[in-house]
Structures are given as structure tokens and as C-alpha cells.
Amino acid sequence: RAEGMRLSRVEGFGGIVAGSSGYLRAVFELSPDYE
């Protein structure tokens, strides 16, 4: 989640294993500041 200048995690990030390729996607919930 991005609210103004503050970026934070929203959901659980456990169980991410090093070395993945083409599998992880970053999704950003953007505040109205980013319109």
C-alpha cells in the first residue's frame, strides 16, 4: 500500500523462497495522490 510517501506491506509475506523467476508479482494499492 502506498499512501503519499509511505509504502507498506498489506498481506502476509511468509513462505517466499529465494530463486523464484517469473512467479512473483508486486501489486500496489495507491492512494489518490498517485492519480
PDB file of all heavy atoms in Angstrom:
ATOM      1  N   ARG A   1       0.852  -1.189   0.000  1.00  0.00           N
ATOM      2  CA  ARG A   1       0.000   0.000   0.000  1.00  0.00           C
ATOM      3  C   ARG A   1       0.886   1.237   0.000  1.00  0.00           C
ATOM      4  O   ARG A   1       1.824   1.339   0.791  1.00  0.00           O
ATOM      5  CB  ARG A   1      -0.902   0.019   1.234  1.00  0.00           C
ATOM      6  CG  ARG A   1      -1.791   1.274   1.289  1.00  0.00           C
ATOM      7  CD  ARG A   1      -2.791   1.225   2.419  1.00  0.00           C
ATOM      8  NE  ARG A   1      -3.748   0.152   2.128  1.00  0.00           N
ATOM      9  CZ  ARG A   1      -4.079  -0.803   2.998  1.00  0.00           C
ATOM     10  NH1 ARG A   1      -3.566  -0.835   4.201  1.00  0.00           N
ATOM     11  NH2 ARG A   1      -4.951  -1.737   2.667  1.00  0.00           N
ATOM     12  N   ALA A   2       0.581   2.169  -0.910  1.00  0.00           N
ATOM     13  CA  ALA A   2       1.289   3.445  -0.967  1.00  0.00           C
ATOM     14  C   ALA A   2       0.307   4.552  -0.628  1.00  0.00           C
ATOM     15  O   ALA A   2      -0.682   4.754  -1.338  1.00  0.00           O
ATOM     16  CB  ALA A   2       1.886   3.676  -2.346  1.00  0.00           C
ATOM     17  N   GLU A   3       0.595   5.222   0.486  1.00  0.00           N
ATOM     18  CA  GLU A   3      -0.212   6.366   0.909  1.00  0.00           C
ATOM     19  C   GLU A   3       0.725   7.548   0.999  1.00  0.00           C
ATOM     20  O   GLU A   3       1.525   7.638   1.930  1.00  0.00           O
ATOM     21  CB  GLU A   3      -0.873   6.078   2.255  1.00  0.00           C
ATOM     22  CG  GLU A   3      -1.881   4.944   2.183  1.00  0.00           C
ATOM     23  CD  GLU A   3      -2.600   4.715   3.495  1.00  0.00           C
ATOM     24  OE1 GLU A   3      -2.941   5.703   4.162  1.00  0.00           O
ATOM     25  OE2 GLU A   3      -2.802   3.548   3.848  1.00  0.00           O
ATOM     26  N   GLY A   4       0.624   8.430   0.019  1.00  0.00           N
ATOM     27  CA  GLY A   4       1.568   9.535  -0.048  1.00  0.00           C
ATOM     28  C   GLY A   4       2.978   8.992  -0.214  1.00  0.00           C
ATOM     29  O   GLY A   4       3.235   8.214  -1.119  1.00  0.00           O
ATOM     30  N   MET A   5       3.868   9.357   0.696  1.00  0.00           N
ATOM     31  CA  MET A   5       5.263   8.933   0.603  1.00  0.00           C
ATOM     32  C   MET A   5       5.549   7.667   1.413  1.00  0.00           C
ATOM     33  O   MET A   5       6.686   7.232   1.513  1.00  0.00           O
ATOM     34  CB  MET A   5       6.173  10.062   1.078  1.00  0.00           C
ATOM     35  CG  MET A   5       6.012  11.325   0.244  1.00  0.00           C
ATOM     36  SD  MET A   5       6.933  12.718   0.892  1.00  0.00           S
ATOM     37  CE  MET A   5       8.537  12.332   0.237  1.00  0.00           C
ATOM     38  N   ARG A   6       4.523   7.046   1.967  1.00  0.00           N
ATOM     39  CA  ARG A   6       4.688   5.873   2.829  1.00  0.00           C
ATOM     40  C   ARG A   6       4.283   4.597   2.102  1.00  0.00           C
ATOM     41  O   ARG A   6       3.131   4.456   1.662  1.00  0.00           O
ATOM     42  CB  ARG A   6       3.830   6.048   4.082  1.00  0.00           C
ATOM     43  CG  ARG A   6       3.866   4.903   5.017  1.00  0.00           C
ATOM     44  CD  ARG A   6       5.096   4.980   5.892  1.00  0.00           C
ATOM     45  NE  ARG A   6       5.081   3.851   6.809  1.00  0.00           N
ATOM     46  CZ  ARG A   6       6.139   3.132   7.069  1.00  0.00           C
ATOM     47  NH1 ARG A   6       7.290   3.422   6.521  1.00  0.00           N
ATOM     48  NH2 ARG A   6       6.066   2.125   7.894  1.00  0.00           N
ATOM     49  N   LEU A   7       5.227   3.660   1.971  1.00  0.00           N
ATOM     50  CA  LEU A   7       4.963   2.357   1.371  1.00  0.00           C
ATOM     51  C   LEU A   7       5.017   1.302   2.470  1.00  0.00           C
ATOM     52  O   LEU A   7       5.918   1.317   3.309  1.00  0.00           O
ATOM     53  CB  LEU A   7       6.025   2.051   0.300  1.00  0.00           C
ATOM     54  CG  LEU A   7       5.845   0.751  -0.481  1.00  0.00           C
ATOM     55  CD1 LEU A   7       4.554   0.780  -1.299  1.00  0.00           C
ATOM     56  CD2 LEU A   7       7.046   0.515  -1.394  1.00  0.00           C
ATOM     57  N   SER A   8       4.031   0.377   2.479  1.00  0.00           N
ATOM     58  CA  SER A   8       3.992  -0.679   3.488  1.00  0.00           C
ATOM     59  C   SER A   8       3.436  -1.960   2.872  1.00  0.00           C
ATOM     60  O   SER A   8       2.811  -1.938   1.812  1.00  0.00           O
ATOM     61  CB  SER A   8       3.134  -0.258   4.681  1.00  0.00           C
ATOM     62  OG  SER A   8       1.815   0.041   4.263  1.00  0.00           O
ATOM     63  N   ARG A   9       3.667  -3.072   3.562  1.00  0.00           N
ATOM     64  CA  ARG A   9       3.116  -4.362   3.138  1.00  0.00           C
ATOM     65  C   ARG A   9       1.671  -4.452   3.627  1.00  0.00           C
ATOM     66  O   ARG A   9       1.347  -3.948   4.688  1.00  0.00           O
ATOM     67  CB  ARG A   9       3.926  -5.504   3.740  1.00  0.00           C
ATOM     68  CG  ARG A   9       5.299  -5.647   3.150  1.00  0.00           C
ATOM     69  CD  ARG A   9       5.984  -6.855   3.748  1.00  0.00           C
ATOM     70  NE  ARG A   9       6.356  -6.558   5.120  1.00  0.00           N
ATOM     71  CZ  ARG A   9       7.604  -6.507   5.559  1.00  0.00           C
ATOM     72  NH1 ARG A   9       8.590  -6.751   4.738  1.00  0.00           N
ATOM     73  NH2 ARG A   9       7.859  -6.223   6.803  1.00  0.00           N
ATOM     74  N   VAL A  10       0.837  -5.140   2.858  1.00  0.00           N
ATOM     75  CA  VAL A  10      -0.571  -5.298   3.226  1.00  0.00           C
ATOM     76  C   VAL A  10      -0.850  -6.715   3.705  1.00  0.00           C
ATOM     77  O   VAL A  10      -1.469  -6.910   4.731  1.00  0.00           O
ATOM     78  CB  VAL A  10      -1.497  -4.946   2.039  1.00  0.00           C
ATOM     79  CG1 VAL A  10      -2.945  -5.277   2.351  1.00  0.00           C
ATOM     80  CG2 VAL A  10      -1.359  -3.477   1.677  1.00  0.00           C
ATOM     81  N   GLU A  11      -0.413  -7.704   2.959  1.00  0.00           N
ATOM     82  CA  GLU A  11      -0.747  -9.086   3.273  1.00  0.00           C
ATOM     83  C   GLU A  11       0.490  -9.845   3.720  1.00  0.00           C
ATOM     84  O   GLU A  11       1.614  -9.383   3.559  1.00  0.00           O
ATOM     85  CB  GLU A  11      -1.350  -9.758   2.044  1.00  0.00           C
ATOM     86  CG  GLU A  11      -2.664  -9.124   1.631  1.00  0.00           C
ATOM     87  CD  GLU A  11      -3.283  -9.801   0.430  1.00  0.00           C
ATOM     88  OE1 GLU A  11      -2.699 -10.758  -0.106  1.00  0.00           O
ATOM     89  OE2 GLU A  11      -4.350  -9.353   0.026  1.00  0.00           O
ATOM     90  N   GLY A  12       0.281 -11.046   4.255  1.00  0.00           N
ATOM     91  CA  GLY A  12       1.378 -11.886   4.726  1.00  0.00           C
ATOM     92  C   GLY A  12       2.410 -12.163   3.650  1.00  0.00           C
ATOM     93  O   GLY A  12       2.080 -12.406   2.497  1.00  0.00           O
ATOM     94  N   PHE A  13       3.646 -12.097   4.047  1.00  0.00           N
ATOM     95  CA  PHE A  13       4.747 -12.301   3.114  1.00  0.00           C
ATOM     96  C   PHE A  13       5.559 -13.535   3.470  1.00  0.00           C
ATOM     97  O   PHE A  13       6.685 -13.690   3.039  1.00  0.00           O
ATOM     98  CB  PHE A  13       5.654 -11.057   3.102  1.00  0.00           C
ATOM     99  CG  PHE A  13       5.129  -9.952   2.229  1.00  0.00           C
ATOM    100  CD1 PHE A  13       3.915  -9.346   2.506  1.00  0.00           C
ATOM    101  CD2 PHE A  13       5.845  -9.521   1.129  1.00  0.00           C
ATOM    102  CE1 PHE A  13       3.420  -8.327   1.710  1.00  0.00           C
ATOM    103  CE2 PHE A  13       5.359  -8.505   0.324  1.00  0.00           C
ATOM    104  CZ  PHE A  13       4.150  -7.906   0.613  1.00  0.00           C
ATOM    105  N   GLY A  14       5.027 -14.421   4.275  1.00  0.00           N
ATOM    106  CA  GLY A  14       5.744 -15.627   4.665  1.00  0.00           C
ATOM    107  C   GLY A  14       5.823 -16.630   3.522  1.00  0.00           C
ATOM    108  O   GLY A  14       5.032 -16.611   2.586  1.00  0.00           O
ATOM    109  N   GLY A  15       6.800 -17.513   3.618  1.00  0.00           N
ATOM    110  CA  GLY A  15       6.902 -18.606   2.659  1.00  0.00           C
ATOM    111  C   GLY A  15       7.451 -18.225   1.303  1.00  0.00           C
ATOM    112  O   GLY A  15       7.316 -18.989   0.348  1.00  0.00           O
ATOM    113  N   ILE A  16       8.093 -17.080   1.173  1.00  0.00           N
ATOM    114  CA  ILE A  16       8.712 -16.705  -0.102  1.00  0.00           C
ATOM    115  C   ILE A  16      10.100 -17.336  -0.119  1.00  0.00           C
ATOM    116  O   ILE A  16      10.913 -17.103   0.760  1.00  0.00           O
ATOM    117  CB  ILE A  16       8.815 -15.181  -0.256  1.00  0.00           C
ATOM    118  CG1 ILE A  16       7.427 -14.546  -0.190  1.00  0.00           C
ATOM    119  CG2 ILE A  16       9.510 -14.825  -1.561  1.00  0.00           C
ATOM    120  CD1 ILE A  16       7.451 -13.042  -0.102  1.00  0.00           C
ATOM    121  N   VAL A  17      10.358 -18.154  -1.126  1.00  0.00           N
ATOM    122  CA  VAL A  17      11.617 -18.875  -1.222  1.00  0.00           C
ATOM    123  C   VAL A  17      12.499 -18.215  -2.282  1.00  0.00           C
ATOM    124  O   VAL A  17      12.038 -17.873  -3.368  1.00  0.00           O
ATOM    125  CB  VAL A  17      11.372 -20.362  -1.563  1.00  0.00           C
ATOM    126  CG1 VAL A  17      12.687 -21.119  -1.707  1.00  0.00           C
ATOM    127  CG2 VAL A  17      10.496 -21.007  -0.496  1.00  0.00           C
ATOM    128  N   ALA A  18      13.768 -18.036  -1.938  1.00  0.00           N
ATOM    129  CA  ALA A  18      14.730 -17.394  -2.843  1.00  0.00           C
ATOM    130  C   ALA A  18      14.846 -18.160  -4.154  1.00  0.00           C
ATOM    131  O   ALA A  18      14.695 -19.380  -4.192  1.00  0.00           O
ATOM    132  CB  ALA A  18      16.096 -17.311  -2.171  1.00  0.00           C
ATOM    133  N   GLY A  19      15.092 -17.428  -5.227  1.00  0.00           N
ATOM    134  CA  GLY A  19      15.375 -18.036  -6.519  1.00  0.00           C
ATOM    135  C   GLY A  19      14.195 -18.147  -7.460  1.00  0.00           C
ATOM    136  O   GLY A  19      14.335 -18.688  -8.555  1.00  0.00           O
ATOM    137  N   SER A  20      13.030 -17.624  -7.091  1.00  0.00           N
ATOM    138  CA  SER A  20      11.875 -17.681  -7.989  1.00  0.00           C
ATOM    139  C   SER A  20      12.111 -16.798  -9.209  1.00  0.00           C
ATOM    140  O   SER A  20      12.786 -15.776  -9.130  1.00  0.00           O
ATOM    141  CB  SER A  20      10.612 -17.205  -7.273  1.00  0.00           C
ATOM    142  OG  SER A  20      10.291 -18.062  -6.214  1.00  0.00           O
ATOM    143  N   SER A  21      11.545 -17.206 -10.325  1.00  0.00           N
ATOM    144  CA  SER A  21      11.670 -16.421 -11.552  1.00  0.00           C
ATOM    145  C   SER A  21      10.329 -16.432 -12.284  1.00  0.00           C
ATOM    146  O   SER A  21       9.776 -17.505 -12.542  1.00  0.00           O
ATOM    147  CB  SER A  21      12.757 -17.009 -12.447  1.00  0.00           C
ATOM    148  OG  SER A  21      12.868 -16.284 -13.638  1.00  0.00           O
ATOM    149  N   GLY A  22       9.783 -15.245 -12.569  1.00  0.00           N
ATOM    150  CA  GLY A  22       8.525 -15.153 -13.293  1.00  0.00           C
ATOM    151  C   GLY A  22       7.301 -15.534 -12.474  1.00  0.00           C
ATOM    152  O   GLY A  22       6.219 -15.681 -13.036  1.00  0.00           O
ATOM    153  N   TYR A  23       7.452 -15.693 -11.172  1.00  0.00           N
ATOM    154  CA  TYR A  23       6.348 -16.155 -10.330  1.00  0.00           C
ATOM    155  C   TYR A  23       5.771 -15.060  -9.437  1.00  0.00           C
ATOM    156  O   TYR A  23       4.569 -15.023  -9.199  1.00  0.00           O
ATOM    157  CB  TYR A  23       6.826 -17.327  -9.467  1.00  0.00           C
ATOM    158  CG  TYR A  23       5.784 -17.853  -8.522  1.00  0.00           C
ATOM    159  CD1 TYR A  23       4.628 -18.472  -9.001  1.00  0.00           C
ATOM    160  CD2 TYR A  23       5.937 -17.738  -7.155  1.00  0.00           C
ATOM    161  CE1 TYR A  23       3.661 -18.950  -8.130  1.00  0.00           C
ATOM    162  CE2 TYR A  23       4.977 -18.215  -6.275  1.00  0.00           C
ATOM    163  CZ  TYR A  23       3.846 -18.817  -6.772  1.00  0.00           C
ATOM    164  OH  TYR A  23       2.888 -19.281  -5.910  1.00  0.00           O
ATOM    165  N   LEU A  24       6.608 -14.149  -8.949  1.00  0.00           N
ATOM    166  CA  LEU A  24       6.148 -13.120  -8.015  1.00  0.00           C
ATOM    167  C   LEU A  24       5.702 -11.866  -8.757  1.00  0.00           C
ATOM    168  O   LEU A  24       6.363 -11.410  -9.686  1.00  0.00           O
ATOM    169  CB  LEU A  24       7.258 -12.763  -7.027  1.00  0.00           C
ATOM    170  CG  LEU A  24       7.747 -13.887  -6.125  1.00  0.00           C
ATOM    171  CD1 LEU A  24       8.942 -13.415  -5.301  1.00  0.00           C
ATOM    172  CD2 LEU A  24       6.634 -14.403  -5.232  1.00  0.00           C
ATOM    173  N   ARG A  25       4.586 -11.311  -8.295  1.00  0.00           N
ATOM    174  CA  ARG A  25       4.085 -10.051  -8.856  1.00  0.00           C
ATOM    175  C   ARG A  25       3.834  -9.091  -7.705  1.00  0.00           C
ATOM    176  O   ARG A  25       3.246  -9.470  -6.685  1.00  0.00           O
ATOM    177  CB  ARG A  25       2.795 -10.297  -9.619  1.00  0.00           C
ATOM    178  CG  ARG A  25       2.253  -9.052 -10.319  1.00  0.00           C
ATOM    179  CD  ARG A  25       1.108  -9.402 -11.215  1.00  0.00           C
ATOM    180  NE  ARG A  25      -0.101  -9.586 -10.413  1.00  0.00           N
ATOM    181  CZ  ARG A  25      -1.307  -9.155 -10.778  1.00  0.00           C
ATOM    182  NH1 ARG A  25      -1.476  -8.542 -11.925  1.00  0.00           N
ATOM    183  NH2 ARG A  25      -2.344  -9.356  -9.996  1.00  0.00           N
ATOM    184  N   ALA A  26       4.293  -7.864  -7.847  1.00  0.00           N
ATOM    185  CA  ALA A  26       4.048  -6.821  -6.857  1.00  0.00           C
ATOM    186  C   ALA A  26       2.791  -6.054  -7.257  1.00  0.00           C
ATOM    187  O   ALA A  26       2.684  -5.578  -8.390  1.00  0.00           O
ATOM    188  CB  ALA A  26       5.244  -5.882  -6.767  1.00  0.00           C
ATOM    189  N   VAL A  27       1.857  -5.963  -6.331  1.00  0.00           N
ATOM    190  CA  VAL A  27       0.600  -5.248  -6.559  1.00  0.00           C
ATOM    191  C   VAL A  27       0.565  -4.093  -5.562  1.00  0.00           C
ATOM    192  O   VAL A  27       0.795  -4.294  -4.367  1.00  0.00           O
ATOM    193  CB  VAL A  27      -0.618  -6.175  -6.351  1.00  0.00           C
ATOM    194  CG1 VAL A  27      -1.920  -5.397  -6.524  1.00  0.00           C
ATOM    195  CG2 VAL A  27      -0.552  -7.356  -7.303  1.00  0.00           C
ATOM    196  N   PHE A  28       0.280  -2.899  -6.049  1.00  0.00           N
ATOM    197  CA  PHE A  28       0.320  -1.703  -5.213  1.00  0.00           C
ATOM    198  C   PHE A  28      -1.062  -1.066  -5.140  1.00  0.00           C
ATOM    199  O   PHE A  28      -1.655  -0.740  -6.169  1.00  0.00           O
ATOM    200  CB  PHE A  28       1.327  -0.699  -5.774  1.00  0.00           C
ATOM    201  CG  PHE A  28       2.728  -1.230  -5.804  1.00  0.00           C
ATOM    202  CD1 PHE A  28       3.200  -1.897  -6.914  1.00  0.00           C
ATOM    203  CD2 PHE A  28       3.567  -1.094  -4.705  1.00  0.00           C
ATOM    204  CE1 PHE A  28       4.491  -2.405  -6.946  1.00  0.00           C
ATOM    205  CE2 PHE A  28       4.855  -1.598  -4.723  1.00  0.00           C
ATOM    206  CZ  PHE A  28       5.319  -2.253  -5.844  1.00  0.00           C
ATOM    207  N   GLU A  29      -1.566  -0.913  -3.915  1.00  0.00           N
ATOM    208  CA  GLU A  29      -2.794  -0.152  -3.675  1.00  0.00           C
ATOM    209  C   GLU A  29      -2.342   1.296  -3.508  1.00  0.00           C
ATOM    210  O   GLU A  29      -1.670   1.627  -2.529  1.00  0.00           O
ATOM    211  CB  GLU A  29      -3.493  -0.663  -2.423  1.00  0.00           C
ATOM    212  CG  GLU A  29      -3.954  -2.089  -2.524  1.00  0.00           C
ATOM    213  CD  GLU A  29      -4.536  -2.621  -1.234  1.00  0.00           C
ATOM    214  OE1 GLU A  29      -4.463  -1.933  -0.183  1.00  0.00           O
ATOM    215  OE2 GLU A  29      -5.059  -3.753  -1.257  1.00  0.00           O
ATOM    216  N   LEU A  30      -2.695   2.132  -4.462  1.00  0.00           N
ATOM    217  CA  LEU A  30      -2.207   3.508  -4.498  1.00  0.00           C
ATOM    218  C   LEU A  30      -3.252   4.486  -3.990  1.00  0.00           C
ATOM    219  O   LEU A  30      -4.423   4.423  -4.392  1.00  0.00           O
ATOM    220  CB  LEU A  30      -1.803   3.881  -5.927  1.00  0.00           C
ATOM    221  CG  LEU A  30      -0.764   2.976  -6.596  1.00  0.00           C
ATOM    222  CD1 LEU A  30      -0.609   3.340  -8.071  1.00  0.00           C
ATOM    223  CD2 LEU A  30       0.565   3.067  -5.872  1.00  0.00           C
ATOM    224  N   SER A  31      -2.831   5.409  -3.137  1.00  0.00           N
ATOM    225  CA  SER A  31      -3.731   6.448  -2.636  1.00  0.00           C
ATOM    226  C   SER A  31      -4.029   7.446  -3.761  1.00  0.00           C
ATOM    227  O   SER A  31      -3.349   7.456  -4.803  1.00  0.00           O
ATOM    228  CB  SER A  31      -3.107   7.154  -1.430  1.00  0.00           C
ATOM    229  OG  SER A  31      -1.987   7.930  -1.824  1.00  0.00           O
ATOM    230  N   PRO A  32      -5.026   8.306  -3.569  1.00  0.00           N
ATOM    231  CA  PRO A  32      -5.376   9.297  -4.596  1.00  0.00           C
ATOM    232  C   PRO A  32      -4.210  10.216  -4.999  1.00  0.00           C
ATOM    233  O   PRO A  32      -4.238  10.803  -6.080  1.00  0.00           O
ATOM    234  CB  PRO A  32      -6.503  10.102  -3.948  1.00  0.00           C
ATOM    235  CG  PRO A  32      -7.141   9.151  -2.994  1.00  0.00           C
ATOM    236  CD  PRO A  32      -5.995   8.328  -2.455  1.00  0.00           C
ATOM    237  N   ASP A  33      -3.180  10.323  -4.166  1.00  0.00           N
ATOM    238  CA  ASP A  33      -2.011  11.136  -4.509  1.00  0.00           C
ATOM    239  C   ASP A  33      -1.384  10.710  -5.835  1.00  0.00           C
ATOM    240  O   ASP A  33      -0.721  11.491  -6.495  1.00  0.00           O
ATOM    241  CB  ASP A  33      -0.930  11.020  -3.424  1.00  0.00           C
ATOM    242  CG  ASP A  33      -1.435  11.427  -2.065  1.00  0.00           C
ATOM    243  OD1 ASP A  33      -2.006  12.519  -1.950  1.00  0.00           O
ATOM    244  OD2 ASP A  33      -1.252  10.643  -1.110  1.00  0.00           O
ATOM    245  N   TYR A  34      -1.591   9.450  -6.217  1.00  0.00           N
ATOM    246  CA  TYR A  34      -0.930   8.887  -7.388  1.00  0.00           C
ATOM    247  C   TYR A  34      -1.746   9.015  -8.677  1.00  0.00           C
ATOM    248  O   TYR A  34      -1.278   8.610  -9.737  1.00  0.00           O
ATOM    249  CB  TYR A  34      -0.596   7.420  -7.126  1.00  0.00           C
ATOM    250  CG  TYR A  34       0.497   7.258  -6.097  1.00  0.00           C
ATOM    251  CD1 TYR A  34       0.210   7.317  -4.737  1.00  0.00           C
ATOM    252  CD2 TYR A  34       1.817   7.078  -6.473  1.00  0.00           C
ATOM    253  CE1 TYR A  34       1.203   7.196  -3.781  1.00  0.00           C
ATOM    254  CE2 TYR A  34       2.821   6.959  -5.530  1.00  0.00           C
ATOM    255  CZ  TYR A  34       2.506   7.022  -4.193  1.00  0.00           C
ATOM    256  OH  TYR A  34       3.505   6.908  -3.249  1.00  0.00           O
ATOM    257  N   GLU A  35      -2.955   9.575  -8.578  1.00  0.00           N
ATOM    258  CA  GLU A  35      -3.797   9.714  -9.764  1.00  0.00           C
ATOM    259  C   GLU A  35      -3.104  10.591 -10.800  1.00  0.00           C
ATOM    260  O   GLU A  35      -2.579  11.657 -10.481  1.00  0.00           O
ATOM    261  CB  GLU A  35      -5.158  10.301  -9.392  1.00  0.00           C
ATOM    262  CG  GLU A  35      -6.035   9.306  -8.669  1.00  0.00           C
ATOM    263  CD  GLU A  35      -7.398   9.875  -8.336  1.00  0.00           C
ATOM    264  OE1 GLU A  35      -7.838  10.844  -8.992  1.00  0.00           O
ATOM    265  OE2 GLU A  35      -8.015   9.346  -7.396  1.00  0.00           O
TER     266      GLU A  35
END
